[in-house]
Amino acid sequence: MPAIRSGKVRAALLLGIFLLLLLGNALTPYAVDDWAYMHSFATGERLMHFGEIFPSMAAHAQTMNGRLFSHFWAQLFLLLPKAVFNIVNALVFTALIALLARLVQSEEGPNNLILLMIFCAVWVFVPAFGQVFFWLDGACNYGWGCAAGLAFLAPYIRLFERDAEKKPVFWILWMLAGFYTGAYLENMAVGAIFLSALLLFGRRAVRKKKNGFHPLLPVLAALGGFLFMMTRPAESMKSGADVSLVSLGTGLIAALEKYRLLAVPLVVFAVTLVTALWYHARRERILLAAALVLGSLCANFALGVATYYPERCLAFPAVLLIAADAVLLSELFSGKTKLPVLCAAAALVLPTLYWGVFGFADITNVYLQVRANETAVTEAAARGESSVTVPYIETLTRYSALYDLKYLDTEDAQSWPNNVMADVLGIGEIRCEPDAAKEAERCFR
């Protein structure tokens, strides 16, 4: 099967993935938090210049949270034309898929079937896909957080599996990546720090290889970045809430319940693990897959102490679990078990096609409704009106950025996000009528 190793086929796959994500981004308008992050958290006024982002982020750390890197990117791209973000975000997603495929490939080299399966698995199994990879603010936090976490882990995975040692100067410079990763997103940082340390420990304790001191430096830098993020005043205020064993137990149970959304890739891991053991797959590959699953669990249960755990926070745990599956599937395909892997690929492609069609239908429908509402607002503002009423928008799939988000407040026109959207669109207030949306949803169905 020469197509599986073909560089031209791989380039075509990556180009197709890029164009698909570019289309999804183009059909995803600004929503909810985007309107808020168009304003400075220092003054409350619209951001107009690059230099205004820095005092805004300083105020953000006082009142919102410590995720300064991710929200810096959000505010930067909200200053630029939306098309710039669309292109950059599609490139980041494509790089994420390519990096995943590279990290899990067997000794035989790149495998286009595994690349396709990784994309299909991410498309089908990552919860709240639209919020993670299409929504501007969500992508800057969660989608780019996945890319940052995997990029940081890449040299540790190579070191563990293939003894790909780096010079000391690399590890010293990689401390910058470590700090950036640790300070980017809470549960991604916990998962990445834990997994990098686990891989170093596994290499020393299980594989009996000496690591030296230098590979530990970026891990310590990541820990420093995490502490920097979590000690911002806004985070301290949130952590100052009442914490008890009962609330911690409740949070861990809630995190376990949330992890059930990844039941299918978890079952796939269990089946492929048994198969890999039966066919005596390489020990390093089995251990790497197991470490990735432990990292996924760690990133998930890190949010057991959080008071708020939306589905989009499962992105990094899902990506690590998909990587674990891909490691074992790639190893099985390089041996004598190609047929089961081909069957698994076929089983993945079918739901990808289904959710691709249905998901993009929902994305397009929501896009048209949002644009109609924004047009109504701007036309009312042009007529000199101070108030306008628009219908609420419901979504049907997790591929729309508005899935499980509050599009507008239907009770108070002066509350968030109505107030920030109204300010950007130049009108006094935006009222929202929920009943009109139900009729629109019936028409779509």
Protein backbone atom coordinates (compact mmCIF):
# COMPACT_ATOMS: atom_id res chain seq x y z
CA MET A 1 0.00 0.00 0.00
CA PRO A 2 2.32 2.77 -1.23
CA ALA A 3 -0.28 5.50 -0.61
CA ILE A 4 0.08 4.95 3.14
CA ARG A 5 3.72 6.12 3.01
CA SER A 6 3.37 8.65 0.17
CA GLY A 7 4.51 12.18 0.92
CA LYS A 8 2.12 13.55 -1.72
CA VAL A 9 -0.85 11.82 -0.09
CA ARG A 10 0.21 13.15 3.30
CA ALA A 11 0.47 16.70 1.92
CA ALA A 12 -2.98 16.35 0.33
CA LEU A 13 -4.47 15.14 3.62
CA LEU A 14 -2.96 18.02 5.56
CA LEU A 15 -4.12 20.51 2.93
CA GLY A 16 -7.64 19.09 3.12
CA ILE A 17 -7.61 19.36 6.92
CA PHE A 18 -6.40 22.95 6.70
CA LEU A 19 -9.11 23.93 4.19
CA LEU A 20 -11.83 22.23 6.23
CA LEU A 21 -10.80 24.11 9.38
CA LEU A 22 -10.48 27.33 7.43
CA LEU A 23 -14.06 26.93 6.22
CA GLY A 24 -15.27 26.21 9.75
CA ASN A 25 -13.50 29.29 11.07
CA ALA A 26 -14.87 31.47 8.29
CA LEU A 27 -18.40 30.31 9.21
CA THR A 28 -17.89 31.00 12.92
CA PRO A 29 -18.59 34.64 13.80
CA TYR A 30 -17.58 36.41 16.99
CA ALA A 31 -19.53 35.14 19.98
CA VAL A 32 -19.97 35.70 23.72
CA ASP A 33 -16.49 36.20 25.25
CA ASP A 34 -15.13 37.58 21.98
CA TRP A 35 -17.22 40.71 22.43
CA ALA A 36 -15.89 41.14 25.97
CA TYR A 37 -12.24 40.67 24.97
CA MET A 38 -12.58 43.42 22.39
CA HIS A 39 -12.51 45.72 25.43
CA SER A 40 -9.68 46.62 27.76
CA PHE A 41 -10.01 45.13 31.22
CA ALA A 42 -8.13 48.16 32.51
CA THR A 43 -10.45 50.88 31.20
CA GLY A 44 -13.57 49.09 29.91
CA GLU A 45 -13.14 50.86 26.57
CA ARG A 46 -12.70 49.27 23.14
CA LEU A 47 -9.16 48.14 22.40
CA MET A 48 -7.73 50.16 19.55
CA HIS A 49 -3.96 49.65 19.67
CA PHE A 50 -1.50 46.82 20.34
CA GLY A 51 0.02 48.58 23.36
CA GLU A 52 -3.33 48.64 25.15
CA ILE A 53 -3.29 44.84 25.48
CA PHE A 54 -0.61 44.86 28.19
CA PRO A 55 -2.44 47.00 30.80
CA SER A 56 -5.58 45.08 29.87
CA MET A 57 -3.89 41.78 30.71
CA ALA A 58 -2.52 43.23 33.96
CA ALA A 59 -6.08 44.10 34.96
CA HIS A 60 -7.28 40.73 33.68
CA ALA A 61 -4.97 39.00 36.15
CA GLN A 62 -6.59 41.03 38.93
CA THR A 63 -10.21 40.32 38.10
CA MET A 64 -10.61 37.36 35.71
CA ASN A 65 -7.93 34.63 35.76
CA GLY A 66 -4.21 34.06 35.32
CA ARG A 67 -4.30 32.77 31.74
CA LEU A 68 -2.41 35.74 30.35
CA PHE A 69 -0.74 34.11 27.35
CA SER A 70 -3.92 32.65 25.89
CA HIS A 71 -5.96 35.79 26.42
CA PHE A 72 -3.14 37.93 25.05
CA TRP A 73 -3.51 36.01 21.78
CA ALA A 74 -7.29 36.46 21.90
CA GLN A 75 -7.07 40.22 22.33
CA LEU A 76 -4.35 40.50 19.69
CA PHE A 77 -6.39 38.69 17.04
CA LEU A 78 -9.52 40.63 17.97
CA LEU A 79 -7.59 43.76 16.94
CA LEU A 80 -6.94 42.24 13.52
CA PRO A 81 -9.31 41.29 10.69
CA LYS A 82 -11.10 38.02 11.43
CA ALA A 83 -9.58 36.45 8.31
CA VAL A 84 -6.11 36.61 9.91
CA PHE A 85 -7.26 34.51 12.84
CA ASN A 86 -9.09 32.11 10.52
CA ILE A 87 -5.86 31.33 8.65
CA VAL A 88 -3.61 31.15 11.71
CA ASN A 89 -6.04 28.97 13.65
CA ALA A 90 -6.46 26.55 10.74
CA LEU A 91 -2.65 26.32 10.55
CA VAL A 92 -2.40 25.64 14.30
CA PHE A 93 -4.99 22.86 14.08
CA THR A 94 -3.27 21.30 11.06
CA ALA A 95 0.06 21.48 12.90
CA LEU A 96 -1.57 19.79 15.90
CA ILE A 97 -2.74 16.86 13.77
CA ALA A 98 0.64 16.61 12.02
CA LEU A 99 2.47 16.71 15.36
CA LEU A 100 0.25 14.00 16.80
CA ALA A 101 0.89 11.80 13.76
CA ARG A 102 4.64 12.38 14.02
CA LEU A 103 4.81 11.64 17.74
CA VAL A 104 2.95 8.33 17.46
CA GLN A 105 4.53 6.97 14.27
CA SER A 106 6.29 3.62 14.42
CA GLU A 107 9.82 2.83 13.32
CA GLU A 108 8.54 2.34 9.78
CA GLY A 109 8.04 6.08 9.45
CA PRO A 110 5.05 8.32 8.60
CA ASN A 111 1.73 6.54 8.14
CA ASN A 112 -1.01 8.38 6.27
CA LEU A 113 -3.70 6.01 7.51
CA ILE A 114 -2.83 6.83 11.12
CA LEU A 115 -2.79 10.55 10.23
CA LEU A 116 -6.30 10.25 8.82
CA MET A 117 -7.48 8.25 11.83
CA ILE A 118 -6.09 10.87 14.22
CA PHE A 119 -7.97 13.64 12.44
CA CYS A 120 -11.18 11.59 12.40
CA ALA A 121 -10.83 10.77 16.10
CA VAL A 122 -10.27 14.42 17.02
CA TRP A 123 -13.26 15.46 14.91
CA VAL A 124 -15.57 12.83 16.39
CA PHE A 125 -14.44 12.54 20.01
CA VAL A 126 -13.22 15.95 21.21
CA PRO A 127 -16.17 17.41 23.17
CA ALA A 128 -17.40 20.90 22.26
CA PHE A 129 -15.34 20.82 19.06
CA GLY A 130 -16.60 24.18 17.83
CA GLN A 131 -15.69 25.94 21.06
CA VAL A 132 -12.22 24.37 21.08
CA PHE A 133 -11.22 24.78 17.44
CA PHE A 134 -13.54 27.33 15.76
CA TRP A 135 -14.46 29.94 18.40
CA LEU A 136 -11.78 32.63 18.61
CA ASP A 137 -11.52 32.94 22.38
CA GLY A 138 -12.01 29.19 22.89
CA ALA A 139 -9.42 28.23 20.29
CA CYS A 140 -6.81 30.60 21.75
CA ASN A 141 -7.32 28.92 25.13
CA TYR A 142 -8.10 25.27 24.50
CA GLY A 143 -7.14 24.44 20.93
CA TRP A 144 -3.84 26.29 21.09
CA GLY A 145 -3.37 24.93 24.60
CA CYS A 146 -3.44 21.40 23.16
CA ALA A 147 -0.84 22.38 20.57
CA ALA A 148 1.39 24.01 23.21
CA GLY A 149 1.15 21.01 25.53
CA LEU A 150 2.01 18.49 22.80
CA ALA A 151 4.86 20.60 21.44
CA PHE A 152 6.36 20.81 24.93
CA LEU A 153 6.02 17.05 25.41
CA ALA A 154 7.51 16.13 22.01
CA PRO A 155 11.19 15.94 23.07
CA TYR A 156 10.29 13.96 26.19
CA ILE A 157 8.33 11.43 24.14
CA ARG A 158 11.24 11.05 21.73
CA LEU A 159 13.70 10.77 24.61
CA PHE A 160 11.64 8.07 26.32
CA GLU A 161 10.84 6.00 23.25
CA ARG A 162 13.89 6.41 21.02
CA ASP A 163 16.64 7.80 23.26
CA ALA A 164 16.66 10.96 21.13
CA GLU A 165 18.94 12.91 23.44
CA LYS A 166 19.38 16.67 23.08
CA LYS A 167 22.32 18.91 23.87
CA PRO A 168 22.21 20.81 27.18
CA VAL A 169 21.69 24.10 25.37
CA PHE A 170 18.43 22.75 23.90
CA TRP A 171 17.01 21.92 27.32
CA ILE A 172 18.07 25.32 28.65
CA LEU A 173 16.27 27.07 25.80
CA TRP A 174 13.31 24.70 26.15
CA MET A 175 12.74 26.20 29.60
CA LEU A 176 11.02 29.07 27.77
CA ALA A 177 8.59 26.58 26.22
CA GLY A 178 8.18 25.04 29.66
CA PHE A 179 7.22 28.32 31.32
CA TYR A 180 4.88 29.18 28.44
CA THR A 181 3.18 25.77 28.69
CA GLY A 182 2.88 25.89 32.47
CA ALA A 183 1.30 29.34 32.40
CA TYR A 184 -1.06 28.73 29.46
CA LEU A 185 -4.04 26.66 30.62
CA GLU A 186 -4.66 25.10 34.03
CA ASN A 187 -5.44 21.45 33.37
CA MET A 188 -3.27 21.26 30.26
CA ALA A 189 -0.33 22.50 32.33
CA VAL A 190 -0.94 19.92 35.05
CA GLY A 191 -1.18 17.12 32.49
CA ALA A 192 1.93 18.24 30.60
CA ILE A 193 4.03 18.67 33.75
CA PHE A 194 2.94 15.30 35.12
CA LEU A 195 3.50 13.48 31.83
CA SER A 196 6.94 14.97 31.14
CA ALA A 197 8.07 14.05 34.65
CA LEU A 198 6.53 10.58 34.30
CA LEU A 199 8.39 9.96 31.03
CA LEU A 200 11.68 10.98 32.62
CA PHE A 201 10.98 8.75 35.60
CA GLY A 202 9.95 5.85 33.36
CA ARG A 203 13.10 6.16 31.29
CA ARG A 204 15.25 6.03 34.41
CA ALA A 205 13.33 3.46 36.47
CA VAL A 206 11.95 1.13 33.79
CA ARG A 207 14.35 1.49 30.88
CA LYS A 208 17.39 1.99 33.14
CA LYS A 209 18.60 5.00 31.14
CA LYS A 210 20.27 8.02 32.69
CA ASN A 211 18.53 11.31 32.00
CA GLY A 212 20.97 13.79 33.47
CA PHE A 213 19.86 17.03 35.06
CA HIS A 214 19.18 19.17 31.98
CA PRO A 215 15.92 17.51 30.78
CA LEU A 216 14.43 18.29 34.18
CA LEU A 217 14.95 22.04 33.77
CA PRO A 218 12.00 22.66 31.38
CA VAL A 219 9.75 20.64 33.70
CA LEU A 220 10.74 22.89 36.58
CA ALA A 221 10.19 25.93 34.37
CA ALA A 222 6.72 24.62 33.50
CA LEU A 223 6.00 24.21 37.19
CA GLY A 224 7.16 27.79 37.70
CA GLY A 225 4.85 28.98 34.92
CA PHE A 226 1.94 27.12 36.48
CA LEU A 227 2.62 28.71 39.87
CA PHE A 228 2.86 32.10 38.18
CA MET A 229 -0.56 31.60 36.59
CA MET A 230 -2.22 30.23 39.72
CA THR A 231 -0.88 32.93 42.06
CA ARG A 232 -2.41 35.82 40.12
CA PRO A 233 -4.87 37.74 42.33
CA ALA A 234 -7.90 36.61 40.32
CA GLU A 235 -6.94 32.96 40.80
CA SER A 236 -6.28 33.54 44.49
CA MET A 237 -9.77 34.97 44.91
CA LYS A 238 -11.28 31.88 43.26
CA SER A 239 -9.17 29.51 45.34
CA GLY A 240 -10.22 31.38 48.44
CA ALA A 241 -13.61 29.74 48.21
CA ASP A 242 -14.56 27.14 50.79
CA VAL A 243 -12.66 23.90 50.12
CA SER A 244 -13.38 20.73 52.05
CA LEU A 245 -12.98 17.00 51.64
CA VAL A 246 -16.65 16.81 50.71
CA SER A 247 -16.34 19.45 47.98
CA LEU A 248 -13.12 17.85 46.72
CA GLY A 249 -14.80 14.44 46.56
CA THR A 250 -17.77 15.96 44.75
CA GLY A 251 -15.42 17.62 42.27
CA LEU A 252 -13.53 14.42 41.56
CA ILE A 253 -16.78 12.53 40.99
CA ALA A 254 -17.91 15.29 38.63
CA ALA A 255 -14.59 15.03 36.75
CA LEU A 256 -15.03 11.26 36.50
CA GLU A 257 -18.54 11.76 35.18
CA LYS A 258 -17.23 14.25 32.61
CA TYR A 259 -14.55 11.77 31.51
CA ARG A 260 -17.33 9.40 30.47
CA LEU A 261 -17.61 11.54 27.34
CA LEU A 262 -14.35 9.87 26.28
CA ALA A 263 -15.66 6.35 26.85
CA VAL A 264 -15.22 5.23 23.23
CA PRO A 265 -11.52 6.14 22.86
CA LEU A 266 -10.95 4.68 26.34
CA VAL A 267 -12.50 1.37 25.25
CA VAL A 268 -10.39 1.48 22.09
CA PHE A 269 -7.31 1.87 24.27
CA ALA A 270 -8.28 -1.15 26.36
CA VAL A 271 -8.86 -3.32 23.27
CA THR A 272 -5.68 -2.22 21.50
CA LEU A 273 -3.65 -2.64 24.68
CA VAL A 274 -4.76 -6.26 25.07
CA THR A 275 -4.09 -6.87 21.38
CA ALA A 276 -0.63 -5.28 21.60
CA LEU A 277 0.25 -7.42 24.60
CA TRP A 278 -1.04 -10.55 22.85
CA TYR A 279 1.09 -9.90 19.77
CA HIS A 280 4.13 -8.91 21.84
CA ALA A 281 4.36 -5.33 20.65
CA ARG A 282 7.41 -3.35 21.64
CA ARG A 283 7.47 -2.59 25.34
CA GLU A 284 8.42 1.07 24.79
CA ARG A 285 5.32 1.64 22.69
CA ILE A 286 3.02 0.02 25.23
CA LEU A 287 4.57 2.01 28.07
CA LEU A 288 4.30 5.25 26.08
CA ALA A 289 0.60 4.62 25.40
CA ALA A 290 -0.01 3.87 29.07
CA ALA A 291 1.82 7.07 30.08
CA LEU A 292 -0.32 9.12 27.69
CA VAL A 293 -3.48 7.69 29.24
CA LEU A 294 -2.21 8.54 32.73
CA GLY A 295 -1.47 12.06 31.51
CA SER A 296 -5.00 12.28 30.12
CA LEU A 297 -6.46 11.21 33.46
CA CYS A 298 -4.26 13.67 35.33
CA ALA A 299 -5.32 16.57 33.09
CA ASN A 300 -8.95 15.59 33.63
CA PHE A 301 -8.89 15.13 37.40
CA ALA A 302 -6.88 18.34 37.85
CA LEU A 303 -10.23 20.06 37.32
CA GLY A 304 -11.75 18.11 40.19
CA VAL A 305 -10.93 21.13 42.38
CA ALA A 306 -12.52 23.58 39.93
CA THR A 307 -15.92 25.11 40.52
CA TYR A 308 -16.61 25.16 36.77
CA TYR A 309 -15.79 22.36 34.32
CA PRO A 310 -17.20 22.96 30.82
CA GLU A 311 -16.82 20.29 28.17
CA ARG A 312 -14.19 22.30 26.29
CA CYS A 313 -11.77 21.65 29.18
CA LEU A 314 -11.75 17.99 28.09
CA ALA A 315 -9.84 18.90 24.92
CA PHE A 316 -6.34 18.10 26.20
CA PRO A 317 -7.39 14.91 28.02
CA ALA A 318 -9.13 13.82 24.80
CA VAL A 319 -6.10 14.58 22.63
CA LEU A 320 -3.76 12.61 24.92
CA LEU A 321 -6.15 9.66 24.95
CA ILE A 322 -6.40 9.75 21.16
CA ALA A 323 -2.60 9.85 21.00
CA ALA A 324 -2.42 6.74 23.20
CA ASP A 325 -4.80 4.91 20.87
CA ALA A 326 -2.79 6.04 17.84
CA VAL A 327 0.48 4.79 19.36
CA LEU A 328 -0.91 1.28 19.74
CA LEU A 329 -2.75 1.27 16.41
CA SER A 330 0.40 2.42 14.64
CA GLU A 331 2.39 -0.33 16.33
CA LEU A 332 -0.19 -2.97 15.44
CA PHE A 333 -0.31 -1.80 11.82
CA SER A 334 3.46 -2.13 11.50
CA GLY A 335 3.19 -5.77 12.60
CA LYS A 336 0.91 -8.56 11.45
CA THR A 337 -2.40 -7.01 12.47
CA LYS A 338 -3.15 -4.63 9.61
CA LEU A 339 -6.72 -5.81 9.01
CA PRO A 340 -8.12 -4.78 12.45
CA VAL A 341 -6.52 -1.35 12.05
CA LEU A 342 -8.07 -0.96 8.59
CA CYS A 343 -11.45 -1.92 10.04
CA ALA A 344 -11.01 0.63 12.82
CA ALA A 345 -10.17 3.27 10.20
CA ALA A 346 -13.33 2.47 8.27
CA ALA A 347 -15.35 2.65 11.49
CA LEU A 348 -13.90 6.11 12.17
CA VAL A 349 -14.38 7.53 8.70
CA LEU A 350 -18.13 6.86 8.65
CA PRO A 351 -19.06 8.95 11.73
CA THR A 352 -16.60 11.61 10.58
CA LEU A 353 -18.50 11.95 7.31
CA TYR A 354 -21.83 11.98 9.14
CA TRP A 355 -20.80 14.61 11.69
CA GLY A 356 -18.97 16.53 8.99
CA VAL A 357 -22.14 17.00 6.97
CA PHE A 358 -24.48 17.50 9.92
CA GLY A 359 -21.96 19.64 11.82
CA PHE A 360 -21.34 22.00 8.94
CA ALA A 361 -25.07 22.26 8.31
CA ASP A 362 -25.47 23.42 11.92
CA ILE A 363 -22.47 25.76 11.68
CA THR A 364 -23.88 27.34 8.52
CA ASN A 365 -27.36 27.68 10.00
CA VAL A 366 -26.03 29.38 13.15
CA TYR A 367 -23.77 31.62 11.07
CA LEU A 368 -26.70 32.85 8.99
CA GLN A 369 -28.79 33.51 12.10
CA VAL A 370 -25.97 35.40 13.83
CA ARG A 371 -25.30 37.50 10.75
CA ALA A 372 -29.02 38.29 10.43
CA ASN A 373 -29.11 39.42 14.06
CA GLU A 374 -25.99 41.56 13.67
CA THR A 375 -27.41 43.14 10.53
CA ALA A 376 -30.63 43.96 12.40
CA VAL A 377 -28.61 45.57 15.18
CA THR A 378 -26.41 47.69 12.91
CA GLU A 379 -29.41 48.80 10.81
CA ALA A 380 -31.27 49.83 13.96
CA ALA A 381 -28.21 51.75 15.14
CA ALA A 382 -27.97 53.48 11.73
CA ARG A 383 -31.60 54.59 12.11
CA GLY A 384 -30.74 56.19 15.42
CA GLU A 385 -32.59 53.66 17.55
CA SER A 386 -31.23 52.96 21.02
CA SER A 387 -32.73 49.47 21.46
CA VAL A 388 -33.25 46.44 19.26
CA THR A 389 -34.73 42.97 19.82
CA VAL A 390 -33.26 39.88 18.17
CA PRO A 391 -34.14 36.18 18.44
CA TYR A 392 -32.13 33.80 20.59
CA ILE A 393 -30.06 31.24 18.68
CA GLU A 394 -30.03 27.54 19.51
CA THR A 395 -27.51 25.03 18.21
CA LEU A 396 -27.95 21.35 17.41
CA THR A 397 -24.37 20.03 17.43
CA ARG A 398 -21.12 20.54 19.32
CA TYR A 399 -19.50 21.84 16.12
CA SER A 400 -21.13 25.24 16.50
CA ALA A 401 -19.21 27.64 18.75
CA LEU A 402 -22.48 28.57 20.46
CA TYR A 403 -23.03 24.99 21.64
CA ASP A 404 -23.76 25.14 25.39
CA LEU A 405 -22.94 28.87 25.50
CA LYS A 406 -25.28 31.73 26.38
CA TYR A 407 -25.64 33.59 23.09
CA LEU A 408 -27.45 36.51 24.75
CA ASP A 409 -29.22 37.13 28.05
CA THR A 410 -32.97 36.94 27.54
CA GLU A 411 -33.81 38.57 30.88
CA ASP A 412 -31.57 41.61 31.24
CA ALA A 413 -30.46 43.61 28.20
CA GLN A 414 -27.83 45.43 30.27
CA SER A 415 -26.06 42.29 31.45
CA TRP A 416 -23.23 40.32 29.84
CA PRO A 417 -22.84 39.57 26.97
CA ASN A 418 -25.58 41.87 25.67
CA ASN A 419 -23.84 44.99 26.96
CA VAL A 420 -20.44 44.33 25.38
CA MET A 421 -21.98 43.23 22.07
CA ALA A 422 -24.14 46.36 22.03
CA ASP A 423 -21.12 48.56 22.67
CA VAL A 424 -19.17 47.04 19.78
CA LEU A 425 -22.12 47.26 17.37
CA GLY A 426 -22.91 50.84 18.41
CA ILE A 427 -26.36 50.62 19.97
CA GLY A 428 -27.71 51.31 23.45
CA GLU A 429 -29.05 47.84 24.24
CA ILE A 430 -29.77 44.49 22.63
CA ARG A 431 -32.82 42.62 23.83
CA CYS A 432 -33.23 38.94 23.10
CA GLU A 433 -36.47 37.11 22.45
CA PRO A 434 -36.16 33.33 23.09
CA ASP A 435 -39.42 32.27 21.42
CA ALA A 436 -38.31 33.35 17.94
CA ALA A 437 -35.39 30.95 18.07
CA LYS A 438 -37.61 27.93 18.58
CA GLU A 439 -39.35 28.62 15.28
CA ALA A 440 -35.98 28.94 13.53
CA GLU A 441 -34.83 25.66 15.01
CA ARG A 442 -37.99 23.88 13.84
CA CYS A 443 -37.41 25.18 10.32
CA PHE A 444 -33.84 23.87 10.35
CA ARG A 445 -34.98 20.44 11.47
